[in-house]
Protein backbone atom coordinates (compact mmCIF):
# COMPACT_ATOMS: atom_id res chain seq x y z
CA UNK A 1 0.00 0.00 0.00
CA UNK A 2 0.95 3.65 -0.35
CA UNK A 3 0.01 6.74 1.63
CA UNK A 4 0.29 10.26 0.27
CA UNK A 5 1.10 12.70 3.06
CA UNK A 6 0.87 16.45 2.44
CA UNK A 7 3.17 18.53 4.63
CA UNK A 8 2.40 22.26 4.74
CA UNK A 9 4.76 24.77 6.40
CA UNK A 10 3.08 27.39 8.57
CA UNK A 11 4.23 30.43 6.61
CA UNK A 12 2.76 33.45 4.82
CA UNK A 13 3.39 31.81 1.42
CA UNK A 14 2.59 28.23 0.41
CA UNK A 15 5.45 25.84 1.07
CA UNK A 16 4.08 22.33 0.57
CA UNK A 17 5.54 18.90 -0.03
CA UNK A 18 3.63 15.73 -0.91
CA UNK A 19 5.39 12.61 0.29
CA UNK A 20 4.53 9.07 -0.67
CA UNK A 21 5.34 6.56 2.03
CA UNK A 22 4.42 3.02 2.97
CA UNK A 23 1.74 3.11 5.70
CA UNK A 24 3.64 0.39 7.59
CA UNK A 25 6.55 2.81 8.03
CA UNK A 26 7.00 4.40 11.43
CA UNK A 27 6.80 8.11 12.25
CA UNK A 28 10.59 8.36 12.36
CA UNK A 29 10.69 7.40 8.68
CA UNK A 30 8.11 10.12 7.94
CA UNK A 31 10.24 12.58 9.95
CA UNK A 32 13.28 11.68 7.82
CA UNK A 33 11.25 12.05 4.61
CA UNK A 34 10.10 15.53 5.73
CA UNK A 35 13.68 16.56 6.55
CA UNK A 36 14.82 15.47 3.08
CA UNK A 37 11.82 16.99 1.25
CA UNK A 38 12.26 20.41 2.89
CA UNK A 39 16.08 20.20 2.88
CA UNK A 40 16.30 20.63 6.66
CA UNK A 41 19.28 19.91 8.91
CA UNK A 42 19.05 16.24 9.92
CA UNK A 43 20.63 16.94 13.32
CA UNK A 44 17.74 18.90 14.86
CA UNK A 45 15.11 17.49 17.19
CA UNK A 46 11.44 17.32 16.23
CA UNK A 47 8.10 16.05 17.50
CA UNK A 48 4.75 15.13 16.06
CA UNK A 49 1.64 16.18 17.98
CA UNK A 50 -1.76 14.57 18.02
CA UNK A 51 -4.40 17.31 18.14
CA UNK A 52 -8.14 17.68 18.28
CA UNK A 53 -10.21 19.49 15.62
CA UNK A 54 -9.31 22.87 17.19
CA UNK A 55 -5.58 22.00 16.96
CA UNK A 56 -5.17 21.85 20.72
CA UNK A 57 -2.17 19.66 21.49
CA UNK A 58 -3.27 16.37 23.02
CA UNK A 59 -0.15 14.19 22.90
CA UNK A 60 3.47 14.68 21.91
CA UNK A 61 5.39 12.03 19.98
CA UNK A 62 9.08 12.99 20.29
CA UNK A 63 11.89 11.80 18.06
CA UNK A 64 13.18 9.57 20.86
CA UNK A 65 11.18 7.75 23.52
CA UNK A 66 11.37 9.33 26.95
CA UNK A 67 11.05 7.46 30.21
CA UNK A 68 11.14 8.90 33.68
CA UNK A 69 9.85 7.85 37.09
CA UNK A 70 6.37 9.27 36.53
CA UNK A 71 5.60 8.33 32.91
CA UNK A 72 6.93 7.09 29.62
CA UNK A 73 6.43 8.55 26.17
CA UNK A 74 6.69 6.53 22.97
CA UNK A 75 9.08 7.84 20.36
CA UNK A 76 8.58 8.17 16.61
CA UNK A 77 10.20 4.78 15.93
CA UNK A 78 7.63 3.09 18.18
CA UNK A 79 4.56 4.24 16.24
CA UNK A 80 3.44 2.88 12.87
CA UNK A 81 2.12 5.52 10.50
CA UNK A 82 -1.16 3.73 9.74
CA UNK A 83 -1.96 3.45 13.46
CA UNK A 84 -2.12 7.22 13.79
CA UNK A 85 -3.03 8.43 10.27
CA UNK A 86 -5.88 5.98 9.76
CA UNK A 87 -8.09 7.69 7.20
CA UNK A 88 -7.84 10.43 4.60
CA UNK A 89 -8.01 13.88 6.17
CA UNK A 90 -6.38 12.81 9.45
CA UNK A 91 -3.88 15.45 10.61
CA UNK A 92 -0.89 15.87 12.89
CA UNK A 93 1.25 18.85 13.77
CA UNK A 94 5.00 18.52 13.27
CA UNK A 95 7.43 20.84 15.03
CA UNK A 96 11.03 20.86 13.86
CA UNK A 97 14.00 22.58 15.58
CA UNK A 98 12.69 23.75 18.95
CA UNK A 99 14.90 26.85 18.93
CA UNK A 100 13.45 28.13 15.65
CA UNK A 101 10.06 26.41 15.94
CA UNK A 102 9.29 25.47 12.35
CA UNK A 103 5.68 24.24 12.38
CA UNK A 104 4.06 22.03 9.77
CA UNK A 105 0.58 20.63 9.23
CA UNK A 106 0.77 16.96 8.21
CA UNK A 107 -2.31 15.56 6.44
CA UNK A 108 -3.02 12.10 5.05
CA UNK A 109 -4.49 12.95 1.64
CA UNK A 110 -4.66 9.58 -0.10
CA UNK A 111 -4.31 5.83 0.45
CA UNK A 112 -3.82 3.53 -2.54
CA UNK A 113 -3.23 -0.18 -3.10
CA UNK A 114 0.02 0.48 -4.98
CA UNK A 115 3.01 -1.10 -3.25
CA UNK A 116 6.10 1.00 -2.47
CA UNK A 117 9.19 0.31 -0.41
CA UNK A 118 10.88 3.71 -0.09
CA UNK A 119 9.44 7.11 0.67
CA UNK A 120 9.98 10.08 -1.62
CA UNK A 121 8.75 13.59 -2.28
CA UNK A 122 6.41 13.51 -5.28
CA UNK A 123 5.29 17.15 -5.36
CA UNK A 124 6.92 20.39 -4.26
CA UNK A 125 5.26 23.81 -4.04
CA UNK A 126 7.15 26.93 -2.93
CA UNK A 127 10.64 27.36 -1.57
CA UNK A 128 11.70 26.92 2.01
CA UNK A 129 12.38 30.33 3.62
CA UNK A 130 15.76 30.94 5.20
CA UNK A 131 14.32 31.99 8.56
CA UNK A 132 11.48 30.46 10.53
CA UNK A 133 8.37 32.63 10.75
CA UNK A 134 7.87 34.53 13.99
CA UNK A 135 5.41 32.79 16.23
CA UNK A 136 2.93 34.80 18.21
CA UNK A 137 1.75 33.13 21.39
CA UNK A 138 -1.06 35.63 21.89
CA UNK A 139 -4.29 34.21 23.28
CA UNK A 140 -7.57 35.17 21.68
CA UNK A 141 -9.13 35.96 25.05
CA UNK A 142 -7.48 37.98 27.76
CA UNK A 143 -6.55 35.74 30.68
CA UNK A 144 -8.43 36.57 33.87
CA UNK A 145 -7.13 34.39 36.73
CA UNK A 146 -10.11 35.21 38.96
CA UNK A 147 -12.87 34.91 36.39
CA UNK A 148 -16.14 36.79 36.43
CA UNK A 149 -16.75 35.99 40.09
CA UNK A 150 -14.58 38.91 41.16
CA UNK A 151 -15.84 41.52 38.67
CA UNK A 152 -17.98 43.27 41.29
CA UNK A 153 -15.48 42.85 44.10
CA UNK A 154 -14.29 46.35 44.98
CA UNK A 155 -12.36 45.84 48.23
CA UNK A 156 -9.09 46.82 46.53
CA UNK A 157 -10.61 49.96 45.02
CA UNK A 158 -11.69 51.13 48.48
CA UNK A 159 -8.22 50.32 49.84
CA UNK A 160 -6.52 52.37 47.14
CA UNK A 161 -8.79 55.35 47.78
CA UNK A 162 -7.76 55.50 51.48
CA UNK A 163 -4.12 56.29 50.64
C-alpha atoms as a PDB file:
ATOM      1  CA  UNK A   1       0.000   0.000   0.000  1.00  0.00           C
ATOM      2  CA  UNK A   2       0.947   3.645  -0.354  1.00  0.00           C
ATOM      3  CA  UNK A   3       0.009   6.744   1.633  1.00  0.00           C
ATOM      4  CA  UNK A   4       0.293  10.262   0.265  1.00  0.00           C
ATOM      5  CA  UNK A   5       1.100  12.704   3.056  1.00  0.00           C
ATOM      6  CA  UNK A   6       0.868  16.450   2.439  1.00  0.00           C
ATOM      7  CA  UNK A   7       3.174  18.534   4.630  1.00  0.00           C
ATOM      8  CA  UNK A   8       2.399  22.260   4.740  1.00  0.00           C
ATOM      9  CA  UNK A   9       4.756  24.767   6.397  1.00  0.00           C
ATOM     10  CA  UNK A  10       3.075  27.394   8.574  1.00  0.00           C
ATOM     11  CA  UNK A  11       4.234  30.433   6.606  1.00  0.00           C
ATOM     12  CA  UNK A  12       2.760  33.446   4.818  1.00  0.00           C
ATOM     13  CA  UNK A  13       3.391  31.810   1.418  1.00  0.00           C
ATOM     14  CA  UNK A  14       2.593  28.230   0.414  1.00  0.00           C
ATOM     15  CA  UNK A  15       5.449  25.840   1.069  1.00  0.00           C
ATOM     16  CA  UNK A  16       4.080  22.329   0.572  1.00  0.00           C
ATOM     17  CA  UNK A  17       5.543  18.897  -0.032  1.00  0.00           C
ATOM     18  CA  UNK A  18       3.629  15.730  -0.912  1.00  0.00           C
ATOM     19  CA  UNK A  19       5.392  12.614   0.294  1.00  0.00           C
ATOM     20  CA  UNK A  20       4.525   9.073  -0.674  1.00  0.00           C
ATOM     21  CA  UNK A  21       5.344   6.560   2.031  1.00  0.00           C
ATOM     22  CA  UNK A  22       4.424   3.024   2.974  1.00  0.00           C
ATOM     23  CA  UNK A  23       1.740   3.114   5.701  1.00  0.00           C
ATOM     24  CA  UNK A  24       3.635   0.391   7.595  1.00  0.00           C
ATOM     25  CA  UNK A  25       6.549   2.809   8.031  1.00  0.00           C
ATOM     26  CA  UNK A  26       6.995   4.404  11.426  1.00  0.00           C
ATOM     27  CA  UNK A  27       6.801   8.111  12.251  1.00  0.00           C
ATOM     28  CA  UNK A  28      10.588   8.361  12.361  1.00  0.00           C
ATOM     29  CA  UNK A  29      10.688   7.403   8.680  1.00  0.00           C
ATOM     30  CA  UNK A  30       8.113  10.122   7.937  1.00  0.00           C
ATOM     31  CA  UNK A  31      10.236  12.583   9.945  1.00  0.00           C
ATOM     32  CA  UNK A  32      13.284  11.681   7.822  1.00  0.00           C
ATOM     33  CA  UNK A  33      11.253  12.055   4.608  1.00  0.00           C
ATOM     34  CA  UNK A  34      10.099  15.531   5.733  1.00  0.00           C
ATOM     35  CA  UNK A  35      13.684  16.559   6.552  1.00  0.00           C
ATOM     36  CA  UNK A  36      14.817  15.470   3.079  1.00  0.00           C
ATOM     37  CA  UNK A  37      11.823  16.990   1.250  1.00  0.00           C
ATOM     38  CA  UNK A  38      12.265  20.409   2.893  1.00  0.00           C
ATOM     39  CA  UNK A  39      16.082  20.204   2.881  1.00  0.00           C
ATOM     40  CA  UNK A  40      16.299  20.626   6.662  1.00  0.00           C
ATOM     41  CA  UNK A  41      19.277  19.908   8.911  1.00  0.00           C
ATOM     42  CA  UNK A  42      19.046  16.244   9.919  1.00  0.00           C
ATOM     43  CA  UNK A  43      20.631  16.944  13.325  1.00  0.00           C
ATOM     44  CA  UNK A  44      17.741  18.902  14.863  1.00  0.00           C
ATOM     45  CA  UNK A  45      15.112  17.488  17.192  1.00  0.00           C
ATOM     46  CA  UNK A  46      11.443  17.320  16.234  1.00  0.00           C
ATOM     47  CA  UNK A  47       8.101  16.053  17.496  1.00  0.00           C
ATOM     48  CA  UNK A  48       4.746  15.133  16.061  1.00  0.00           C
ATOM     49  CA  UNK A  49       1.642  16.181  17.981  1.00  0.00           C
ATOM     50  CA  UNK A  50      -1.765  14.566  18.018  1.00  0.00           C
ATOM     51  CA  UNK A  51      -4.402  17.315  18.137  1.00  0.00           C
ATOM     52  CA  UNK A  52      -8.142  17.675  18.280  1.00  0.00           C
ATOM     53  CA  UNK A  53     -10.210  19.488  15.617  1.00  0.00           C
ATOM     54  CA  UNK A  54      -9.307  22.866  17.194  1.00  0.00           C
ATOM     55  CA  UNK A  55      -5.577  22.004  16.959  1.00  0.00           C
ATOM     56  CA  UNK A  56      -5.174  21.854  20.718  1.00  0.00           C
ATOM     57  CA  UNK A  57      -2.165  19.660  21.494  1.00  0.00           C
ATOM     58  CA  UNK A  58      -3.266  16.366  23.024  1.00  0.00           C
ATOM     59  CA  UNK A  59      -0.152  14.187  22.900  1.00  0.00           C
ATOM     60  CA  UNK A  60       3.471  14.679  21.913  1.00  0.00           C
ATOM     61  CA  UNK A  61       5.395  12.035  19.981  1.00  0.00           C
ATOM     62  CA  UNK A  62       9.078  12.994  20.294  1.00  0.00           C
ATOM     63  CA  UNK A  63      11.890  11.802  18.056  1.00  0.00           C
ATOM     64  CA  UNK A  64      13.183   9.571  20.857  1.00  0.00           C
ATOM     65  CA  UNK A  65      11.179   7.751  23.519  1.00  0.00           C
ATOM     66  CA  UNK A  66      11.369   9.334  26.955  1.00  0.00           C
ATOM     67  CA  UNK A  67      11.054   7.461  30.215  1.00  0.00           C
ATOM     68  CA  UNK A  68      11.145   8.902  33.676  1.00  0.00           C
ATOM     69  CA  UNK A  69       9.849   7.848  37.091  1.00  0.00           C
ATOM     70  CA  UNK A  70       6.366   9.265  36.526  1.00  0.00           C
ATOM     71  CA  UNK A  71       5.597   8.333  32.912  1.00  0.00           C
ATOM     72  CA  UNK A  72       6.932   7.091  29.622  1.00  0.00           C
ATOM     73  CA  UNK A  73       6.432   8.547  26.165  1.00  0.00           C
ATOM     74  CA  UNK A  74       6.686   6.529  22.971  1.00  0.00           C
ATOM     75  CA  UNK A  75       9.082   7.844  20.361  1.00  0.00           C
ATOM     76  CA  UNK A  76       8.577   8.167  16.609  1.00  0.00           C
ATOM     77  CA  UNK A  77      10.203   4.784  15.925  1.00  0.00           C
ATOM     78  CA  UNK A  78       7.634   3.094  18.185  1.00  0.00           C
ATOM     79  CA  UNK A  79       4.558   4.237  16.241  1.00  0.00           C
ATOM     80  CA  UNK A  80       3.445   2.877  12.873  1.00  0.00           C
ATOM     81  CA  UNK A  81       2.120   5.521  10.497  1.00  0.00           C
ATOM     82  CA  UNK A  82      -1.156   3.726   9.744  1.00  0.00           C
ATOM     83  CA  UNK A  83      -1.963   3.452  13.462  1.00  0.00           C
ATOM     84  CA  UNK A  84      -2.121   7.225  13.785  1.00  0.00           C
ATOM     85  CA  UNK A  85      -3.028   8.434  10.272  1.00  0.00           C
ATOM     86  CA  UNK A  86      -5.881   5.980   9.755  1.00  0.00           C
ATOM     87  CA  UNK A  87      -8.092   7.686   7.197  1.00  0.00           C
ATOM     88  CA  UNK A  88      -7.842  10.425   4.599  1.00  0.00           C
ATOM     89  CA  UNK A  89      -8.010  13.875   6.168  1.00  0.00           C
ATOM     90  CA  UNK A  90      -6.382  12.806   9.449  1.00  0.00           C
ATOM     91  CA  UNK A  91      -3.884  15.448  10.612  1.00  0.00           C
ATOM     92  CA  UNK A  92      -0.890  15.868  12.894  1.00  0.00           C
ATOM     93  CA  UNK A  93       1.254  18.849  13.766  1.00  0.00           C
ATOM     94  CA  UNK A  94       4.995  18.519  13.266  1.00  0.00           C
ATOM     95  CA  UNK A  95       7.427  20.840  15.026  1.00  0.00           C
ATOM     96  CA  UNK A  96      11.033  20.861  13.862  1.00  0.00           C
ATOM     97  CA  UNK A  97      13.995  22.579  15.580  1.00  0.00           C
ATOM     98  CA  UNK A  98      12.690  23.745  18.946  1.00  0.00           C
ATOM     99  CA  UNK A  99      14.903  26.845  18.929  1.00  0.00           C
ATOM    100  CA  UNK A 100      13.448  28.130  15.650  1.00  0.00           C
ATOM    101  CA  UNK A 101      10.060  26.405  15.941  1.00  0.00           C
ATOM    102  CA  UNK A 102       9.287  25.471  12.346  1.00  0.00           C
ATOM    103  CA  UNK A 103       5.676  24.237  12.380  1.00  0.00           C
ATOM    104  CA  UNK A 104       4.056  22.032   9.770  1.00  0.00           C
ATOM    105  CA  UNK A 105       0.584  20.625   9.234  1.00  0.00           C
ATOM    106  CA  UNK A 106       0.769  16.962   8.211  1.00  0.00           C
ATOM    107  CA  UNK A 107      -2.309  15.562   6.442  1.00  0.00           C
ATOM    108  CA  UNK A 108      -3.019  12.100   5.052  1.00  0.00           C
ATOM    109  CA  UNK A 109      -4.495  12.948   1.641  1.00  0.00           C
ATOM    110  CA  UNK A 110      -4.658   9.576  -0.103  1.00  0.00           C
ATOM    111  CA  UNK A 111      -4.307   5.833   0.448  1.00  0.00           C
ATOM    112  CA  UNK A 112      -3.819   3.532  -2.539  1.00  0.00           C
ATOM    113  CA  UNK A 113      -3.230  -0.181  -3.100  1.00  0.00           C
ATOM    114  CA  UNK A 114       0.017   0.482  -4.978  1.00  0.00           C
ATOM    115  CA  UNK A 115       3.013  -1.101  -3.247  1.00  0.00           C
ATOM    116  CA  UNK A 116       6.101   1.004  -2.472  1.00  0.00           C
ATOM    117  CA  UNK A 117       9.193   0.313  -0.413  1.00  0.00           C
ATOM    118  CA  UNK A 118      10.881   3.706  -0.095  1.00  0.00           C
ATOM    119  CA  UNK A 119       9.440   7.106   0.673  1.00  0.00           C
ATOM    120  CA  UNK A 120       9.979  10.079  -1.619  1.00  0.00           C
ATOM    121  CA  UNK A 121       8.751  13.588  -2.285  1.00  0.00           C
ATOM    122  CA  UNK A 122       6.410  13.507  -5.283  1.00  0.00           C
ATOM    123  CA  UNK A 123       5.293  17.148  -5.359  1.00  0.00           C
ATOM    124  CA  UNK A 124       6.915  20.390  -4.258  1.00  0.00           C
ATOM    125  CA  UNK A 125       5.260  23.808  -4.042  1.00  0.00           C
ATOM    126  CA  UNK A 126       7.155  26.930  -2.934  1.00  0.00           C
ATOM    127  CA  UNK A 127      10.638  27.356  -1.571  1.00  0.00           C
ATOM    128  CA  UNK A 128      11.700  26.922   2.009  1.00  0.00           C
ATOM    129  CA  UNK A 129      12.380  30.325   3.620  1.00  0.00           C
ATOM    130  CA  UNK A 130      15.763  30.944   5.199  1.00  0.00           C
ATOM    131  CA  UNK A 131      14.317  31.991   8.561  1.00  0.00           C
ATOM    132  CA  UNK A 132      11.476  30.456  10.530  1.00  0.00           C
ATOM    133  CA  UNK A 133       8.366  32.633  10.749  1.00  0.00           C
ATOM    134  CA  UNK A 134       7.873  34.532  13.988  1.00  0.00           C
ATOM    135  CA  UNK A 135       5.414  32.794  16.226  1.00  0.00           C
ATOM    136  CA  UNK A 136       2.927  34.804  18.210  1.00  0.00           C
ATOM    137  CA  UNK A 137       1.751  33.129  21.388  1.00  0.00           C
ATOM    138  CA  UNK A 138      -1.062  35.629  21.893  1.00  0.00           C
ATOM    139  CA  UNK A 139      -4.292  34.215  23.282  1.00  0.00           C
ATOM    140  CA  UNK A 140      -7.574  35.173  21.675  1.00  0.00           C
ATOM    141  CA  UNK A 141      -9.128  35.958  25.050  1.00  0.00           C
ATOM    142  CA  UNK A 142      -7.476  37.984  27.762  1.00  0.00           C
ATOM    143  CA  UNK A 143      -6.549  35.738  30.679  1.00  0.00           C
ATOM    144  CA  UNK A 144      -8.428  36.566  33.870  1.00  0.00           C
ATOM    145  CA  UNK A 145      -7.129  34.394  36.731  1.00  0.00           C
ATOM    146  CA  UNK A 146     -10.106  35.206  38.962  1.00  0.00           C
ATOM    147  CA  UNK A 147     -12.874  34.914  36.394  1.00  0.00           C
ATOM    148  CA  UNK A 148     -16.139  36.788  36.427  1.00  0.00           C
ATOM    149  CA  UNK A 149     -16.754  35.989  40.094  1.00  0.00           C
ATOM    150  CA  UNK A 150     -14.582  38.915  41.163  1.00  0.00           C
ATOM    151  CA  UNK A 151     -15.845  41.524  38.674  1.00  0.00           C
ATOM    152  CA  UNK A 152     -17.980  43.272  41.295  1.00  0.00           C
ATOM    153  CA  UNK A 153     -15.480  42.851  44.101  1.00  0.00           C
ATOM    154  CA  UNK A 154     -14.295  46.352  44.980  1.00  0.00           C
ATOM    155  CA  UNK A 155     -12.359  45.843  48.233  1.00  0.00           C
ATOM    156  CA  UNK A 156      -9.088  46.819  46.530  1.00  0.00           C
ATOM    157  CA  UNK A 157     -10.611  49.960  45.018  1.00  0.00           C
ATOM    158  CA  UNK A 158     -11.686  51.126  48.481  1.00  0.00           C
ATOM    159  CA  UNK A 159      -8.220  50.320  49.844  1.00  0.00           C
ATOM    160  CA  UNK A 160      -6.516  52.369  47.140  1.00  0.00           C
ATOM    161  CA  UNK A 161      -8.786  55.355  47.785  1.00  0.00           C
ATOM    162  CA  UNK A 162      -7.763  55.502  51.483  1.00  0.00           C
ATOM    163  CA  UNK A 163      -4.117  56.290  50.637  1.00  0.00           C
END
